[in-house]
Structure formats: structure tokens, C-alpha cells
PDB file of all heavy atoms in Angstrom:
ATOM      1  N   TYR A   1      -2.327  -2.394  -4.794  1.00  0.00           N
ATOM      2  CA  TYR A   1      -1.072  -1.473  -4.793  1.00  0.00           C
ATOM      3  C   TYR A   1      -0.115  -1.814  -3.685  1.00  0.00           C
ATOM      4  O   TYR A   1       0.248  -0.963  -2.892  1.00  0.00           O
ATOM      5  CB  TYR A   1      -1.498  -0.042  -4.823  1.00  0.00           C
ATOM      6  CG  TYR A   1      -2.333   0.400  -5.983  1.00  0.00           C
ATOM      7  CD1 TYR A   1      -3.694   0.342  -5.925  1.00  0.00           C
ATOM      8  CD2 TYR A   1      -1.698   0.783  -7.172  1.00  0.00           C
ATOM      9  CE1 TYR A   1      -4.511   0.777  -7.061  1.00  0.00           C
ATOM     10  CE2 TYR A   1      -2.483   1.188  -8.382  1.00  0.00           C
ATOM     11  CZ  TYR A   1      -3.912   1.144  -8.186  1.00  0.00           C
ATOM     12  OH  TYR A   1      -4.648   1.452  -9.290  1.00  0.00           O
ATOM     13  N   VAL A   2       0.502  -3.093  -3.759  1.00  0.00           N
ATOM     14  CA  VAL A   2       1.334  -3.483  -2.675  1.00  0.00           C
ATOM     15  C   VAL A   2       2.699  -2.889  -2.837  1.00  0.00           C
ATOM     16  O   VAL A   2       3.373  -2.798  -3.950  1.00  0.00           O
ATOM     17  CB  VAL A   2       1.292  -4.990  -2.752  1.00  0.00           C
ATOM     18  CG1 VAL A   2       2.383  -5.594  -1.612  1.00  0.00           C
ATOM     19  CG2 VAL A   2      -0.115  -5.572  -2.561  1.00  0.00           C
ATOM     20  N   GLY A   3       3.334  -2.686  -1.748  1.00  0.00           N
ATOM     21  CA  GLY A   3       4.637  -2.057  -1.735  1.00  0.00           C
ATOM     22  C   GLY A   3       5.659  -3.152  -1.902  1.00  0.00           C
ATOM     23  O   GLY A   3       5.551  -4.226  -2.318  1.00  0.00           O
ATOM     24  N   PRO A   4       7.065  -2.745  -1.489  1.00  0.00           N
ATOM     25  CA  PRO A   4       8.181  -3.648  -1.726  1.00  0.00           C
ATOM     26  C   PRO A   4       7.924  -5.035  -1.045  1.00  0.00           C
ATOM     27  O   PRO A   4       7.336  -5.108   0.024  1.00  0.00           O
ATOM     28  CB  PRO A   4       9.257  -2.848  -1.101  1.00  0.00           C
ATOM     29  CG  PRO A   4       8.937  -1.459  -0.997  1.00  0.00           C
ATOM     30  CD  PRO A   4       7.495  -1.516  -0.928  1.00  0.00           C
ATOM     31  N   LEU A   5       8.491  -6.055  -1.715  1.00  0.00           N
ATOM     32  CA  LEU A   5       8.355  -7.345  -1.226  1.00  0.00           C
ATOM     33  C   LEU A   5       9.458  -7.681  -0.069  1.00  0.00           C
ATOM     34  O   LEU A   5       9.140  -8.425   0.847  1.00  0.00           O
ATOM     35  CB  LEU A   5       8.448  -8.447  -2.312  1.00  0.00           C
ATOM     36  CG  LEU A   5       7.526  -8.365  -3.417  1.00  0.00           C
ATOM     37  CD1 LEU A   5       7.807  -9.513  -4.394  1.00  0.00           C
ATOM     38  CD2 LEU A   5       6.094  -8.458  -2.874  1.00  0.00           C
ATOM     39  N   ASP A   6      10.623  -7.030  -0.108  1.00  0.00           N
ATOM     40  CA  ASP A   6      11.698  -7.250   0.697  1.00  0.00           C
ATOM     41  C   ASP A   6      12.107  -6.210   1.588  1.00  0.00           C
ATOM     42  O   ASP A   6      13.201  -6.127   2.188  1.00  0.00           O
ATOM     43  CB  ASP A   6      12.865  -7.799  -0.211  1.00  0.00           C
ATOM     44  CG  ASP A   6      13.290  -6.726  -1.199  1.00  0.00           C
ATOM     45  OD1 ASP A   6      12.459  -5.713  -1.517  1.00  0.00           O
ATOM     46  OD2 ASP A   6      14.357  -6.918  -1.827  1.00  0.00           O
ATOM     47  N   PHE A   7      11.334  -5.079   1.731  1.00  0.00           N
ATOM     48  CA  PHE A   7      11.605  -4.152   2.628  1.00  0.00           C
ATOM     49  C   PHE A   7      10.083  -3.554   3.088  1.00  0.00           C
ATOM     50  O   PHE A   7       9.392  -2.862   2.476  1.00  0.00           O
ATOM     51  CB  PHE A   7      12.245  -2.855   1.844  1.00  0.00           C
ATOM     52  CG  PHE A   7      12.613  -1.781   2.680  1.00  0.00           C
ATOM     53  CD1 PHE A   7      13.373  -1.829   3.829  1.00  0.00           C
ATOM     54  CD2 PHE A   7      11.963  -0.478   2.472  1.00  0.00           C
ATOM     55  CE1 PHE A   7      13.780  -0.840   4.671  1.00  0.00           C
ATOM     56  CE2 PHE A   7      12.332   0.601   3.295  1.00  0.00           C
ATOM     57  CZ  PHE A   7      13.154   0.426   4.420  1.00  0.00           C
ATOM     58  N   THR A   8       9.743  -4.123   4.345  1.00  0.00           N
ATOM     59  CA  THR A   8       8.449  -4.031   4.774  1.00  0.00           C
ATOM     60  C   THR A   8       8.427  -3.549   6.198  1.00  0.00           C
ATOM     61  O   THR A   8       9.299  -3.787   6.974  1.00  0.00           O
ATOM     62  CB  THR A   8       7.773  -5.405   4.795  1.00  0.00           C
ATOM     63  OG1 THR A   8       8.287  -6.212   5.641  1.00  0.00           O
ATOM     64  CG2 THR A   8       7.754  -5.996   3.293  1.00  0.00           C
ATOM     65  N   PRO A   9       7.357  -2.937   6.671  1.00  0.00           N
ATOM     66  CA  PRO A   9       7.311  -2.382   7.995  1.00  0.00           C
ATOM     67  C   PRO A   9       7.394  -3.527   9.157  1.00  0.00           C
ATOM     68  O   PRO A   9       7.882  -3.284  10.129  1.00  0.00           O
ATOM     69  CB  PRO A   9       5.872  -1.645   8.109  1.00  0.00           C
ATOM     70  CG  PRO A   9       5.517  -1.318   6.679  1.00  0.00           C
ATOM     71  CD  PRO A   9       6.069  -2.390   5.830  1.00  0.00           C
ATOM     72  N   ALA A  10       6.803  -4.696   8.792  1.00  0.00           N
ATOM     73  CA  ALA A  10       6.758  -5.668   9.926  1.00  0.00           C
ATOM     74  C   ALA A  10       6.873  -7.117   9.296  1.00  0.00           C
ATOM     75  O   ALA A  10       6.490  -8.055   9.978  1.00  0.00           O
ATOM     76  CB  ALA A  10       5.499  -5.563  10.708  1.00  0.00           C
ATOM     77  N   GLY A  11       7.487  -7.323   8.176  1.00  0.00           N
ATOM     78  CA  GLY A  11       7.841  -8.698   7.625  1.00  0.00           C
ATOM     79  C   GLY A  11       6.996  -8.932   6.380  1.00  0.00           C
ATOM     80  O   GLY A  11       7.519  -9.534   5.473  1.00  0.00           O
ATOM     81  N   GLN A  12       5.662  -8.605   6.362  1.00  0.00           N
ATOM     82  CA  GLN A  12       4.929  -8.888   5.218  1.00  0.00           C
ATOM     83  C   GLN A  12       4.713  -7.727   4.268  1.00  0.00           C
ATOM     84  O   GLN A  12       4.609  -6.606   4.761  1.00  0.00           O
ATOM     85  CB  GLN A  12       3.430  -9.422   5.697  1.00  0.00           C
ATOM     86  CG  GLN A  12       3.475 -10.776   6.487  1.00  0.00           C
ATOM     87  CD  GLN A  12       3.850 -11.885   5.494  1.00  0.00           C
ATOM     88  OE1 GLN A  12       5.197 -12.238   5.400  1.00  0.00           O
ATOM     89  NE2 GLN A  12       3.013 -12.483   4.889  1.00  0.00           N
ATOM     90  N   PRO A  13       4.595  -7.990   2.971  1.00  0.00           N
ATOM     91  CA  PRO A  13       4.417  -6.823   2.095  1.00  0.00           C
ATOM     92  C   PRO A  13       2.890  -6.197   2.374  1.00  0.00           C
ATOM     93  O   PRO A  13       2.112  -6.930   2.814  1.00  0.00           O
ATOM     94  CB  PRO A  13       4.400  -7.427   0.676  1.00  0.00           C
ATOM     95  CG  PRO A  13       5.050  -8.727   0.874  1.00  0.00           C
ATOM     96  CD  PRO A  13       4.853  -9.233   2.222  1.00  0.00           C
ATOM     97  N   VAL A  14       2.840  -4.962   2.255  1.00  0.00           N
ATOM     98  CA  VAL A  14       1.527  -4.187   2.539  1.00  0.00           C
ATOM     99  C   VAL A  14       1.018  -3.383   1.493  1.00  0.00           C
ATOM    100  O   VAL A  14       1.803  -2.862   0.632  1.00  0.00           O
ATOM    101  CB  VAL A  14       1.773  -3.388   3.982  1.00  0.00           C
ATOM    102  CG1 VAL A  14       2.293  -4.185   5.059  1.00  0.00           C
ATOM    103  CG2 VAL A  14       2.809  -2.290   3.624  1.00  0.00           C
ATOM    104  N   SER A  15      -0.284  -3.221   1.522  1.00  0.00           N
ATOM    105  CA  SER A  15      -0.902  -2.281   0.627  1.00  0.00           C
ATOM    106  C   SER A  15      -0.355  -0.828   0.923  1.00  0.00           C
ATOM    107  O   SER A  15      -0.323  -0.558   2.093  1.00  0.00           O
ATOM    108  CB  SER A  15      -2.398  -2.332   0.700  1.00  0.00           C
ATOM    109  OG  SER A  15      -2.981  -1.334  -0.038  1.00  0.00           O
ATOM    110  N   LEU A  16      -0.233  -0.031  -0.124  1.00  0.00           N
ATOM    111  CA  LEU A  16       0.313   1.356   0.079  1.00  0.00           C
ATOM    112  C   LEU A  16      -0.947   2.297   0.267  1.00  0.00           C
ATOM    113  O   LEU A  16      -0.806   3.423   0.599  1.00  0.00           O
ATOM    114  CB  LEU A  16       1.119   1.749  -0.984  1.00  0.00           C
ATOM    115  CG  LEU A  16       2.388   1.073  -1.357  1.00  0.00           C
ATOM    116  CD1 LEU A  16       3.270   1.592  -2.413  1.00  0.00           C
ATOM    117  CD2 LEU A  16       3.184   0.888   0.041  1.00  0.00           C
ATOM    118  N   VAL A  17      -2.205   1.819   0.104  1.00  0.00           N
ATOM    119  CA  VAL A  17      -3.294   2.636   0.199  1.00  0.00           C
ATOM    120  C   VAL A  17      -3.716   2.836   1.625  1.00  0.00           C
ATOM    121  O   VAL A  17      -3.876   1.876   2.426  1.00  0.00           O
ATOM    122  CB  VAL A  17      -4.439   1.989  -0.597  1.00  0.00           C
ATOM    123  CG1 VAL A  17      -5.689   2.949  -0.623  1.00  0.00           C
ATOM    124  CG2 VAL A  17      -4.140   1.618  -2.066  1.00  0.00           C
ATOM    125  N   ASP A  18      -3.868   4.089   1.983  1.00  0.00           N
ATOM    126  CA  ASP A  18      -4.408   4.508   3.307  1.00  0.00           C
ATOM    127  C   ASP A  18      -6.018   4.180   3.366  1.00  0.00           C
ATOM    128  O   ASP A  18      -6.673   4.969   2.783  1.00  0.00           O
ATOM    129  CB  ASP A  18      -4.085   5.912   3.652  1.00  0.00           C
ATOM    130  CG  ASP A  18      -4.507   6.402   5.107  1.00  0.00           C
ATOM    131  OD1 ASP A  18      -5.251   5.603   5.705  1.00  0.00           O
ATOM    132  OD2 ASP A  18      -4.067   7.403   5.458  1.00  0.00           O
ATOM    133  N   LEU A  19      -6.351   3.217   3.964  1.00  0.00           N
ATOM    134  CA  LEU A  19      -7.711   2.745   4.042  1.00  0.00           C
ATOM    135  C   LEU A  19      -8.714   3.856   4.554  1.00  0.00           C
ATOM    136  O   LEU A  19      -9.781   4.016   4.271  1.00  0.00           O
ATOM    137  CB  LEU A  19      -8.032   1.426   4.750  1.00  0.00           C
ATOM    138  CG  LEU A  19      -9.331   0.758   4.416  1.00  0.00           C
ATOM    139  CD1 LEU A  19      -9.402   0.385   3.016  1.00  0.00           C
ATOM    140  CD2 LEU A  19      -9.404  -0.469   5.310  1.00  0.00           C
ATOM    141  N   LYS A  20      -8.143   4.686   5.447  1.00  0.00           N
ATOM    142  CA  LYS A  20      -8.960   5.681   5.998  1.00  0.00           C
ATOM    143  C   LYS A  20      -9.110   6.912   5.077  1.00  0.00           C
ATOM    144  O   LYS A  20     -10.212   7.592   5.110  1.00  0.00           O
ATOM    145  CB  LYS A  20      -8.254   6.188   7.337  1.00  0.00           C
ATOM    146  CG  LYS A  20      -9.045   7.093   8.284  1.00  0.00           C
ATOM    147  CD  LYS A  20      -8.406   7.400   9.549  1.00  0.00           C
ATOM    148  CE  LYS A  20      -9.235   8.289  10.421  1.00  0.00           C
ATOM    149  NZ  LYS A  20      -8.605   8.585  11.767  1.00  0.00           N
ATOM    150  N   ARG A  21      -8.143   7.128   4.285  1.00  0.00           N
ATOM    151  CA  ARG A  21      -8.196   8.229   3.169  1.00  0.00           C
ATOM    152  C   ARG A  21      -7.627   7.704   1.963  1.00  0.00           C
ATOM    153  O   ARG A  21      -6.508   8.174   1.507  1.00  0.00           O
ATOM    154  CB  ARG A  21      -7.371   9.430   3.734  1.00  0.00           C
ATOM    155  CG  ARG A  21      -7.769   9.937   5.111  1.00  0.00           C
ATOM    156  CD  ARG A  21      -6.837  11.173   5.458  1.00  0.00           C
ATOM    157  NE  ARG A  21      -7.142  11.605   6.893  1.00  0.00           N
ATOM    158  CZ  ARG A  21      -6.420  11.175   7.939  1.00  0.00           C
ATOM    159  NH1 ARG A  21      -5.530  10.196   7.702  1.00  0.00           N
ATOM    160  NH2 ARG A  21      -6.672  11.615   9.145  1.00  0.00           N
ATOM    161  N   PRO A  22      -8.424   6.882   1.341  1.00  0.00           N
ATOM    162  CA  PRO A  22      -7.841   6.223  -0.025  1.00  0.00           C
ATOM    163  C   PRO A  22      -7.733   7.322  -1.117  1.00  0.00           C
ATOM    164  O   PRO A  22      -8.684   8.033  -1.305  1.00  0.00           O
ATOM    165  CB  PRO A  22      -8.881   5.167  -0.305  1.00  0.00           C
ATOM    166  CG  PRO A  22     -10.153   5.495   0.398  1.00  0.00           C
ATOM    167  CD  PRO A  22      -9.706   6.198   1.638  1.00  0.00           C
ATOM    168  N   ASP A  23      -6.661   7.406  -1.686  1.00  0.00           N
ATOM    169  CA  ASP A  23      -6.405   8.347  -2.856  1.00  0.00           C
ATOM    170  C   ASP A  23      -6.711   7.622  -4.023  1.00  0.00           C
ATOM    171  O   ASP A  23      -5.816   6.956  -4.702  1.00  0.00           O
ATOM    172  CB  ASP A  23      -4.928   8.848  -2.762  1.00  0.00           C
ATOM    173  CG  ASP A  23      -4.636   9.834  -3.816  1.00  0.00           C
ATOM    174  OD1 ASP A  23      -5.422  10.085  -4.731  1.00  0.00           O
ATOM    175  OD2 ASP A  23      -3.622  10.663  -3.637  1.00  0.00           O
ATOM    176  N   LEU A  24      -7.944   7.742  -4.572  1.00  0.00           N
ATOM    177  CA  LEU A  24      -8.269   7.003  -5.754  1.00  0.00           C
ATOM    178  C   LEU A  24      -7.776   7.547  -7.032  1.00  0.00           C
ATOM    179  O   LEU A  24      -7.864   7.049  -8.146  1.00  0.00           O
ATOM    180  CB  LEU A  24      -9.868   6.884  -5.735  1.00  0.00           C
ATOM    181  CG  LEU A  24     -10.373   6.059  -4.670  1.00  0.00           C
ATOM    182  CD1 LEU A  24     -11.991   6.001  -4.779  1.00  0.00           C
ATOM    183  CD2 LEU A  24      -9.820   4.674  -4.473  1.00  0.00           C
ATOM    184  N   ASP A  25      -7.238   8.894  -6.999  1.00  0.00           N
ATOM    185  CA  ASP A  25      -6.641   9.293  -8.236  1.00  0.00           C
ATOM    186  C   ASP A  25      -5.258   8.720  -8.352  1.00  0.00           C
ATOM    187  O   ASP A  25      -4.882   8.269  -9.475  1.00  0.00           O
ATOM    188  CB  ASP A  25      -6.296  10.898  -8.010  1.00  0.00           C
ATOM    189  CG  ASP A  25      -7.628  11.703  -8.086  1.00  0.00           C
ATOM    190  OD1 ASP A  25      -8.674  11.161  -8.769  1.00  0.00           O
ATOM    191  OD2 ASP A  25      -7.757  12.707  -7.481  1.00  0.00           O
ATOM    192  N   ARG A  26      -4.583   8.396  -7.305  1.00  0.00           N
ATOM    193  CA  ARG A  26      -3.241   7.697  -7.224  1.00  0.00           C
ATOM    194  C   ARG A  26      -3.480   6.201  -7.480  1.00  0.00           C
ATOM    195  O   ARG A  26      -2.565   5.631  -8.008  1.00  0.00           O
ATOM    196  CB  ARG A  26      -2.418   8.067  -6.004  1.00  0.00           C
ATOM    197  CG  ARG A  26      -0.997   7.675  -6.083  1.00  0.00           C
ATOM    198  CD  ARG A  26      -0.294   8.224  -4.873  1.00  0.00           C
ATOM    199  NE  ARG A  26       1.048   7.631  -4.866  1.00  0.00           N
ATOM    200  CZ  ARG A  26       1.953   8.016  -3.942  1.00  0.00           C
ATOM    201  NH1 ARG A  26       1.693   8.766  -2.793  1.00  0.00           N
ATOM    202  NH2 ARG A  26       3.270   7.615  -3.970  1.00  0.00           N
ATOM    203  N   TYR A  27      -4.418   5.694  -6.701  1.00  0.00           N
ATOM    204  CA  TYR A  27      -4.621   4.289  -6.695  1.00  0.00           C
ATOM    205  C   TYR A  27      -6.102   4.045  -7.272  1.00  0.00           C
ATOM    206  O   TYR A  27      -6.939   3.532  -6.469  1.00  0.00           O
ATOM    207  CB  TYR A  27      -4.489   3.832  -5.328  1.00  0.00           C
ATOM    208  CG  TYR A  27      -3.101   4.086  -4.645  1.00  0.00           C
ATOM    209  CD1 TYR A  27      -3.085   4.977  -3.589  1.00  0.00           C
ATOM    210  CD2 TYR A  27      -1.908   3.639  -5.159  1.00  0.00           C
ATOM    211  CE1 TYR A  27      -1.870   5.255  -2.935  1.00  0.00           C
ATOM    212  CE2 TYR A  27      -0.751   3.974  -4.463  1.00  0.00           C
ATOM    213  CZ  TYR A  27      -0.891   4.888  -3.385  1.00  0.00           C
ATOM    214  OH  TYR A  27       0.346   5.134  -2.780  1.00  0.00           O
ATOM    215  N   PRO A  28      -6.302   4.121  -8.472  1.00  0.00           N
ATOM    216  CA  PRO A  28      -7.710   4.062  -8.992  1.00  0.00           C
ATOM    217  C   PRO A  28      -8.362   2.700  -8.872  1.00  0.00           C
ATOM    218  O   PRO A  28      -9.536   2.518  -8.722  1.00  0.00           O
ATOM    219  CB  PRO A  28      -7.591   4.532 -10.485  1.00  0.00           C
ATOM    220  CG  PRO A  28      -6.187   4.345 -10.785  1.00  0.00           C
ATOM    221  CD  PRO A  28      -5.378   4.578  -9.502  1.00  0.00           C
ATOM    222  N   ARG A  29      -7.546   1.628  -9.062  1.00  0.00           N
ATOM    223  CA  ARG A  29      -8.087   0.297  -8.979  1.00  0.00           C
ATOM    224  C   ARG A  29      -8.535  -0.131  -7.586  1.00  0.00           C
ATOM    225  O   ARG A  29      -9.157  -1.253  -7.440  1.00  0.00           O
ATOM    226  CB  ARG A  29      -7.045  -0.745  -9.606  1.00  0.00           C
ATOM    227  CG  ARG A  29      -6.689  -0.541 -11.014  1.00  0.00           C
ATOM    228  CD  ARG A  29      -6.033  -1.771 -11.649  1.00  0.00           C
ATOM    229  NE  ARG A  29      -4.846  -2.207 -10.782  1.00  0.00           N
ATOM    230  CZ  ARG A  29      -3.599  -1.607 -10.995  1.00  0.00           C
ATOM    231  NH1 ARG A  29      -3.456  -0.675 -11.810  1.00  0.00           N
ATOM    232  NH2 ARG A  29      -2.669  -2.016 -10.168  1.00  0.00           N
TER     233      ARG A  29
END
């Protein structure tokens, strides 16, 4: 569930899933 390609926190596209608290209802895959 990767975020925008051209608007990123530090240059690279990032996963929107919080690994510490993954919301599997919102991001089931």
C-alpha cells in the first residue's frame, strides 16, 4: 500500500502501513 510517487517524506515512495500498529482492516493485503 505505497503512497504517492512524487510527494514523499524523504525522496522515496513509502508504505502507508504503520508496521508497529498495522491496520489490517484498511490494508488487508
